[in-house]
Amino acid sequence: MKPHPWLQPLYRRVLVTLFCFAWTAWEGYYDASSIWFLLMLGISAWAVWDFFISGNYAPKAEEVDTTGSDSG
């Protein structure tokens, strides 16, 4: 599946993931045995895997400076 361009900036992926974990924490506090807690736990785990571990949102080759030269 092709990654959505809206999620390409790192800060957006971090905010979405933090929102998922906050919702998971709320559901765990309110009722840890509910289906909503388990659902949000799964969504949070999937967000971490898809956004940060899988490499779907890695910088493209042309965006990465591989020359090793410092321009500053």
C-alpha atoms as a PDB file:
ATOM      1  CA  MET A   1       0.000   0.000   0.000  1.00  0.00           C
ATOM      2  CA  LYS A   2       1.308   3.446  -0.939  1.00  0.00           C
ATOM      3  CA  PRO A   3       1.848   5.817   2.016  1.00  0.00           C
ATOM      4  CA  HIS A   4      -0.436   8.813   2.216  1.00  0.00           C
ATOM      5  CA  PRO A   5       1.360  12.087   1.361  1.00  0.00           C
ATOM      6  CA  TRP A   6      -0.307  13.945   4.248  1.00  0.00           C
ATOM      7  CA  LEU A   7       1.598  11.740   6.686  1.00  0.00           C
ATOM      8  CA  GLN A   8       5.014  12.306   5.090  1.00  0.00           C
ATOM      9  CA  PRO A   9       6.136  15.031   7.586  1.00  0.00           C
ATOM     10  CA  LEU A  10       7.473  13.428  10.760  1.00  0.00           C
ATOM     11  CA  TYR A  11       5.593  15.744  13.126  1.00  0.00           C
ATOM     12  CA  ARG A  12       2.221  14.635  11.733  1.00  0.00           C
ATOM     13  CA  ARG A  13       3.050  10.955  12.230  1.00  0.00           C
ATOM     14  CA  VAL A  14       4.197  11.686  15.776  1.00  0.00           C
ATOM     15  CA  LEU A  15       1.009  13.618  16.582  1.00  0.00           C
ATOM     16  CA  VAL A  16      -1.252  10.887  15.184  1.00  0.00           C
ATOM     17  CA  THR A  17       0.639   8.248  17.159  1.00  0.00           C
ATOM     18  CA  LEU A  18       0.506  10.303  20.374  1.00  0.00           C
ATOM     19  CA  PHE A  19      -3.226  10.800  19.900  1.00  0.00           C
ATOM     20  CA  CYS A  20      -3.683   7.034  19.532  1.00  0.00           C
ATOM     21  CA  PHE A  21      -1.671   6.346  22.687  1.00  0.00           C
ATOM     22  CA  ALA A  22      -3.577   9.026  24.617  1.00  0.00           C
ATOM     23  CA  TRP A  23      -6.866   7.452  23.602  1.00  0.00           C
ATOM     24  CA  THR A  24      -5.499   4.021  24.565  1.00  0.00           C
ATOM     25  CA  ALA A  25      -4.471   5.359  27.979  1.00  0.00           C
ATOM     26  CA  TRP A  26      -7.923   6.870  28.500  1.00  0.00           C
ATOM     27  CA  GLU A  27      -9.666   3.611  27.595  1.00  0.00           C
ATOM     28  CA  GLY A  28      -7.266   1.662  29.827  1.00  0.00           C
ATOM     29  CA  TYR A  29      -7.961   3.974  32.738  1.00  0.00           C
ATOM     30  CA  TYR A  30     -11.710   3.888  32.227  1.00  0.00           C
ATOM     31  CA  ASP A  31     -12.149   0.163  31.513  1.00  0.00           C
ATOM     32  CA  ALA A  32      -9.129  -1.933  30.578  1.00  0.00           C
ATOM     33  CA  SER A  33     -11.249  -4.970  29.728  1.00  0.00           C
ATOM     34  CA  SER A  34     -13.335  -3.212  27.072  1.00  0.00           C
ATOM     35  CA  ILE A  35     -13.132  -3.835  23.363  1.00  0.00           C
ATOM     36  CA  TRP A  36     -12.293  -0.165  22.788  1.00  0.00           C
ATOM     37  CA  PHE A  37      -9.104  -0.475  24.833  1.00  0.00           C
ATOM     38  CA  LEU A  38      -7.993  -3.531  22.858  1.00  0.00           C
ATOM     39  CA  LEU A  39      -8.934  -1.886  19.568  1.00  0.00           C
ATOM     40  CA  MET A  40      -6.965   1.272  20.353  1.00  0.00           C
ATOM     41  CA  LEU A  41      -4.030  -0.767  21.604  1.00  0.00           C
ATOM     42  CA  GLY A  42      -3.911  -2.545  18.255  1.00  0.00           C
ATOM     43  CA  ILE A  43      -4.258   0.703  16.305  1.00  0.00           C
ATOM     44  CA  SER A  44      -1.466   2.309  18.349  1.00  0.00           C
ATOM     45  CA  ALA A  45       0.821  -0.662  17.747  1.00  0.00           C
ATOM     46  CA  TRP A  46       0.035  -0.573  14.030  1.00  0.00           C
ATOM     47  CA  ALA A  47       0.767   3.178  13.904  1.00  0.00           C
ATOM     48  CA  VAL A  48       4.193   2.665  15.471  1.00  0.00           C
ATOM     49  CA  TRP A  49       4.994  -0.161  13.069  1.00  0.00           C
ATOM     50  CA  ASP A  50       3.711   1.548   9.916  1.00  0.00           C
ATOM     51  CA  PHE A  51       4.946   5.077  10.610  1.00  0.00           C
ATOM     52  CA  PHE A  52       8.353   4.376  12.145  1.00  0.00           C
ATOM     53  CA  ILE A  53       9.515   0.752  11.824  1.00  0.00           C
ATOM     54  CA  SER A  54       8.388  -0.501   8.401  1.00  0.00           C
ATOM     55  CA  GLY A  55      10.240   2.119   6.364  1.00  0.00           C
ATOM     56  CA  ASN A  56       7.157   3.176   4.387  1.00  0.00           C
ATOM     57  CA  TYR A  57       7.826   6.822   5.205  1.00  0.00           C
ATOM     58  CA  ALA A  58      11.601   6.805   4.830  1.00  0.00           C
ATOM     59  CA  PRO A  59      13.093   9.839   3.060  1.00  0.00           C
ATOM     60  CA  LYS A  60      13.425   9.388  -0.680  1.00  0.00           C
ATOM     61  CA  ALA A  61      16.905   8.930  -2.143  1.00  0.00           C
ATOM     62  CA  GLU A  62      16.929  12.380  -3.750  1.00  0.00           C
ATOM     63  CA  GLU A  63      16.043  14.030  -0.423  1.00  0.00           C
ATOM     64  CA  VAL A  64      18.963  12.464   1.461  1.00  0.00           C
ATOM     65  CA  ASP A  65      22.368  14.140   1.160  1.00  0.00           C
ATOM     66  CA  THR A  66      24.773  11.292   0.420  1.00  0.00           C
ATOM     67  CA  THR A  67      27.675  13.454  -0.723  1.00  0.00           C
ATOM     68  CA  GLY A  68      29.027  13.843   2.794  1.00  0.00           C
ATOM     69  CA  SER A  69      29.900  17.483   2.243  1.00  0.00           C
ATOM     70  CA  ASP A  70      29.133  20.138   4.815  1.00  0.00           C
ATOM     71  CA  SER A  71      27.631  23.281   3.377  1.00  0.00           C
ATOM     72  CA  GLY A  72      27.821  25.209   6.632  1.00  0.00           C
END
